[in-house]
């Protein structure tokens, strides 16, 4: 009976990084690097074709960002595990990536042996978080369970207006028209809202607004 090897797609926009990781992973008998991608769009195309066991994904690439790429990878191939390998350990990257479906979040200063361990764990459905990332997740959990002010209090008045309108189902163009601002400005507000609330998409924003009582069932146009 032939032993199954874990198929891995490496997604990073730096060729030197891809080559370095590939060279090392190919020395591991259990692993088979089935492809390399240099953008989010290329990653999705290759996932659809190859259905790899793991996508080892950098968050910051040209074109589609890593958060959206992660979400779409899980839509295309739910069985594929996304392991984020990045240099960024700020909340604005960590929480959206995990909520989008990444099973692990590790940093590029990690030793190769630890990377291999994280990949083996991912195949088993086990989470790996870099110690700095794990600390931020723990702090966030403790913050949510304390009597600290809820995250939405960090929003500006205009961001709160946009939040309410999203919760009531308005599109960016409709929000722009209602608030008499440009659609690009709306997109900027939406991005800030996602970052401040540690949410991955507009649907989560709407659910959050209802759960927190920011909008109510009888509200109209976000009022």
Protein backbone atom coordinates (compact mmCIF):
# COMPACT_ATOMS: atom_id res chain seq x y z
CA UNK A 1 0.00 0.00 0.00
CA UNK A 2 1.44 3.32 -1.08
CA UNK A 3 2.05 5.82 1.74
CA UNK A 4 0.11 9.07 1.36
CA UNK A 5 2.29 12.17 1.19
CA UNK A 6 0.98 15.53 2.32
CA UNK A 7 0.54 17.78 -0.70
CA UNK A 8 1.54 21.40 -0.11
CA UNK A 9 1.05 24.55 -2.20
CA UNK A 10 3.41 27.40 -1.31
CA UNK A 11 1.91 30.88 -1.85
CA UNK A 12 4.31 33.80 -1.47
CA UNK A 13 5.12 36.67 -3.79
CA UNK A 14 8.86 36.40 -3.14
CA UNK A 15 10.54 33.78 -5.30
CA UNK A 16 13.52 33.52 -2.96
CA UNK A 17 11.20 32.67 -0.05
CA UNK A 18 9.28 30.09 -2.10
CA UNK A 19 12.48 28.44 -3.30
CA UNK A 20 13.95 28.31 0.19
CA UNK A 21 10.86 26.75 1.73
CA UNK A 22 10.41 24.32 -1.15
CA UNK A 23 14.02 23.15 -0.98
CA UNK A 24 13.66 22.35 2.70
CA UNK A 25 10.20 20.75 2.53
CA UNK A 26 11.29 18.48 -0.30
CA UNK A 27 13.78 16.89 2.11
CA UNK A 28 10.84 15.71 4.27
CA UNK A 29 9.66 12.27 3.07
CA UNK A 30 6.05 12.89 4.16
CA UNK A 31 5.71 16.09 2.11
CA UNK A 32 5.17 16.75 -1.57
CA UNK A 33 5.28 20.35 -2.80
CA UNK A 34 2.78 20.32 -5.66
CA UNK A 35 3.06 23.93 -6.73
CA UNK A 36 3.97 27.55 -6.09
CA UNK A 37 1.81 30.66 -6.40
CA UNK A 38 2.85 34.30 -6.31
CA UNK A 39 -0.57 35.95 -5.86
CA UNK A 40 -3.96 35.32 -4.28
CA UNK A 41 -5.60 34.82 -7.66
CA UNK A 42 -2.97 32.30 -8.73
CA UNK A 43 -3.37 30.50 -5.41
CA UNK A 44 -7.11 30.04 -5.95
CA UNK A 45 -6.62 28.75 -9.48
CA UNK A 46 -4.06 26.19 -8.32
CA UNK A 47 -6.16 25.12 -5.32
CA UNK A 48 -9.09 24.43 -7.65
CA UNK A 49 -6.84 22.34 -9.89
CA UNK A 50 -4.67 20.54 -7.33
CA UNK A 51 -6.84 20.36 -4.16
CA UNK A 52 -3.74 20.34 -1.93
CA UNK A 53 -3.79 19.16 1.68
CA UNK A 54 -2.18 22.43 2.80
CA UNK A 55 -1.74 25.93 1.45
CA UNK A 56 1.24 27.62 3.10
CA UNK A 57 0.18 31.23 2.62
CA UNK A 58 1.81 34.62 3.01
CA UNK A 59 -0.75 37.27 4.01
CA UNK A 60 0.70 40.16 2.02
CA UNK A 61 0.90 39.47 -1.70
CA UNK A 62 0.17 41.42 -4.84
CA UNK A 63 -3.47 41.47 -5.89
CA UNK A 64 -5.92 39.73 -3.58
CA UNK A 65 -4.93 39.93 0.08
CA UNK A 66 -4.29 36.88 2.21
CA UNK A 67 -7.49 37.21 4.23
CA UNK A 68 -9.74 37.05 1.17
CA UNK A 69 -7.52 34.35 -0.33
CA UNK A 70 -7.91 32.25 2.82
CA UNK A 71 -11.70 32.63 2.77
CA UNK A 72 -11.93 31.63 -0.88
CA UNK A 73 -9.55 28.70 -0.53
CA UNK A 74 -11.86 27.27 2.15
CA UNK A 75 -14.85 27.82 -0.14
CA UNK A 76 -13.16 26.05 -3.06
CA UNK A 77 -11.69 23.20 -1.02
CA UNK A 78 -12.93 22.93 2.58
CA UNK A 79 -10.59 19.99 3.20
CA UNK A 80 -7.53 22.12 2.40
CA UNK A 81 -5.88 23.55 5.51
CA UNK A 82 -4.52 27.09 5.30
CA UNK A 83 -1.34 27.72 7.29
CA UNK A 84 -0.47 31.41 7.39
CA UNK A 85 3.28 32.13 7.26
CA UNK A 86 3.91 35.85 7.55
CA UNK A 87 6.01 38.58 9.15
CA UNK A 88 2.98 40.36 10.61
CA UNK A 89 1.70 39.73 14.13
CA UNK A 90 -0.70 42.63 14.64
CA UNK A 91 -4.37 42.14 15.57
CA UNK A 92 -5.47 43.60 12.23
CA UNK A 93 -3.92 40.57 10.51
CA UNK A 94 -4.25 37.80 13.11
CA UNK A 95 -7.96 37.80 13.90
CA UNK A 96 -9.35 38.24 10.37
CA UNK A 97 -7.03 35.47 9.11
CA UNK A 98 -8.18 33.03 11.79
CA UNK A 99 -11.83 33.94 11.29
CA UNK A 100 -11.44 33.50 7.53
CA UNK A 101 -10.48 29.87 8.13
CA UNK A 102 -6.72 29.62 8.67
CA UNK A 103 -5.88 26.73 10.99
CA UNK A 104 -2.46 28.07 11.97
CA UNK A 105 -0.69 31.42 12.15
CA UNK A 106 3.07 31.31 12.28
CA UNK A 107 5.78 33.89 11.72
CA UNK A 108 8.71 33.83 9.33
CA UNK A 109 11.23 33.99 12.17
CA UNK A 110 10.21 30.43 13.09
CA UNK A 111 12.81 27.69 12.62
CA UNK A 112 12.23 25.29 9.74
CA UNK A 113 11.82 22.38 12.15
CA UNK A 114 8.93 24.22 13.82
CA UNK A 115 7.38 24.93 10.43
CA UNK A 116 7.47 21.22 9.59
CA UNK A 117 5.87 20.44 12.95
CA UNK A 118 3.10 22.99 12.27
CA UNK A 119 2.42 21.46 8.86
CA UNK A 120 2.20 17.95 10.33
CA UNK A 121 -0.23 19.26 12.96
CA UNK A 122 -2.34 21.04 10.32
CA UNK A 123 -2.89 17.78 8.46
CA UNK A 124 -4.27 16.34 11.70
CA UNK A 125 -6.58 19.33 12.11
CA UNK A 126 -4.53 20.73 14.98
CA UNK A 127 -3.89 24.45 15.46
CA UNK A 128 -0.44 26.03 15.72
CA UNK A 129 0.01 29.64 16.79
CA UNK A 130 3.32 31.45 17.06
CA UNK A 131 3.88 32.36 20.75
CA UNK A 132 3.44 36.08 20.04
CA UNK A 133 0.21 35.38 18.16
CA UNK A 134 -1.04 33.05 20.88
CA UNK A 135 -0.42 35.81 23.43
CA UNK A 136 -2.53 38.26 21.44
CA UNK A 137 -5.36 35.72 21.07
CA UNK A 138 -5.29 35.03 24.80
CA UNK A 139 -5.35 38.75 25.62
CA UNK A 140 -8.29 39.19 23.29
CA UNK A 141 -10.22 36.34 24.93
CA UNK A 142 -9.52 37.73 28.37
CA UNK A 143 -10.57 41.18 27.21
CA UNK A 144 -13.86 39.86 25.85
CA UNK A 145 -14.55 38.12 29.16
CA UNK A 146 -13.77 41.16 31.29
CA UNK A 147 -15.76 44.29 31.91
CA UNK A 148 -13.74 46.32 29.42
CA UNK A 149 -15.56 48.55 26.97
CA UNK A 150 -16.84 46.61 23.93
CA UNK A 151 -14.82 46.94 20.74
CA UNK A 152 -17.44 49.03 18.95
CA UNK A 153 -16.71 51.94 21.31
CA UNK A 154 -13.44 52.36 19.37
CA UNK A 155 -15.38 53.28 16.21
CA UNK A 156 -15.70 56.90 15.14
CA UNK A 157 -19.18 58.38 14.73
CA UNK A 158 -18.94 58.03 10.95
CA UNK A 159 -17.75 54.42 11.21
CA UNK A 160 -20.73 53.71 13.48
CA UNK A 161 -23.04 55.24 10.85
CA UNK A 162 -21.51 52.97 8.20
CA UNK A 163 -21.77 49.96 10.55
CA UNK A 164 -25.51 50.54 11.02
CA UNK A 165 -26.10 50.87 7.30
CA UNK A 166 -24.16 47.66 6.58
CA UNK A 167 -26.32 45.91 9.19
CA UNK A 168 -29.41 47.10 7.35
CA UNK A 169 -28.18 45.57 4.10
CA UNK A 170 -26.99 48.63 2.18
CA UNK A 171 -24.22 48.26 -0.39
CA UNK A 172 -21.15 50.51 -0.47
CA UNK A 173 -22.65 52.61 -3.27
CA UNK A 174 -25.92 53.00 -1.37
CA UNK A 175 -24.05 53.98 1.79
CA UNK A 176 -22.00 56.52 -0.18
CA UNK A 177 -25.17 58.06 -1.61
CA UNK A 178 -26.91 58.20 1.76
CA UNK A 179 -23.96 59.72 3.62
CA UNK A 180 -22.95 61.95 0.68
CA UNK A 181 -19.39 60.65 0.55
CA UNK A 182 -17.39 58.80 -2.10
CA UNK A 183 -17.54 55.03 -2.46
CA UNK A 184 -13.78 54.87 -1.87
CA UNK A 185 -14.29 56.64 1.45
CA UNK A 186 -16.94 54.07 2.36
CA UNK A 187 -14.52 51.26 1.52
CA UNK A 188 -11.97 52.87 3.82
CA UNK A 189 -14.50 53.03 6.65
CA UNK A 190 -15.49 49.40 6.08
CA UNK A 191 -11.83 48.33 6.21
CA UNK A 192 -11.34 50.20 9.48
CA UNK A 193 -14.49 48.65 10.95
CA UNK A 194 -13.31 45.13 10.07
CA UNK A 195 -9.91 45.82 11.62
CA UNK A 196 -11.19 47.40 14.84
CA UNK A 197 -13.82 44.72 15.43
CA UNK A 198 -11.54 41.81 14.37
CA UNK A 199 -14.11 40.66 11.82
CA UNK A 200 -13.56 39.04 8.43
CA UNK A 201 -16.44 40.29 6.26
CA UNK A 202 -19.63 42.38 6.00
CA UNK A 203 -21.85 39.49 7.09
CA UNK A 204 -19.98 39.24 10.38
CA UNK A 205 -20.27 43.03 10.77
CA UNK A 206 -24.05 42.82 10.38
CA UNK A 207 -24.36 39.94 12.85
CA UNK A 208 -22.14 41.79 15.33
CA UNK A 209 -24.27 44.94 15.07
CA UNK A 210 -27.45 42.99 15.81
CA UNK A 211 -25.87 41.03 18.66
CA UNK A 212 -24.51 44.16 20.32
CA UNK A 213 -27.81 45.98 20.01
CA UNK A 214 -26.31 48.70 17.82
CA UNK A 215 -29.24 48.22 15.46
CA UNK A 216 -32.66 46.83 16.30
CA UNK A 217 -35.33 44.93 14.41
CA UNK A 218 -37.45 48.03 14.00
CA UNK A 219 -34.58 50.24 12.86
CA UNK A 220 -34.80 51.85 9.45
CA UNK A 221 -31.82 52.97 7.34
CA UNK A 222 -29.46 52.44 10.25
CA UNK A 223 -31.26 54.84 12.61
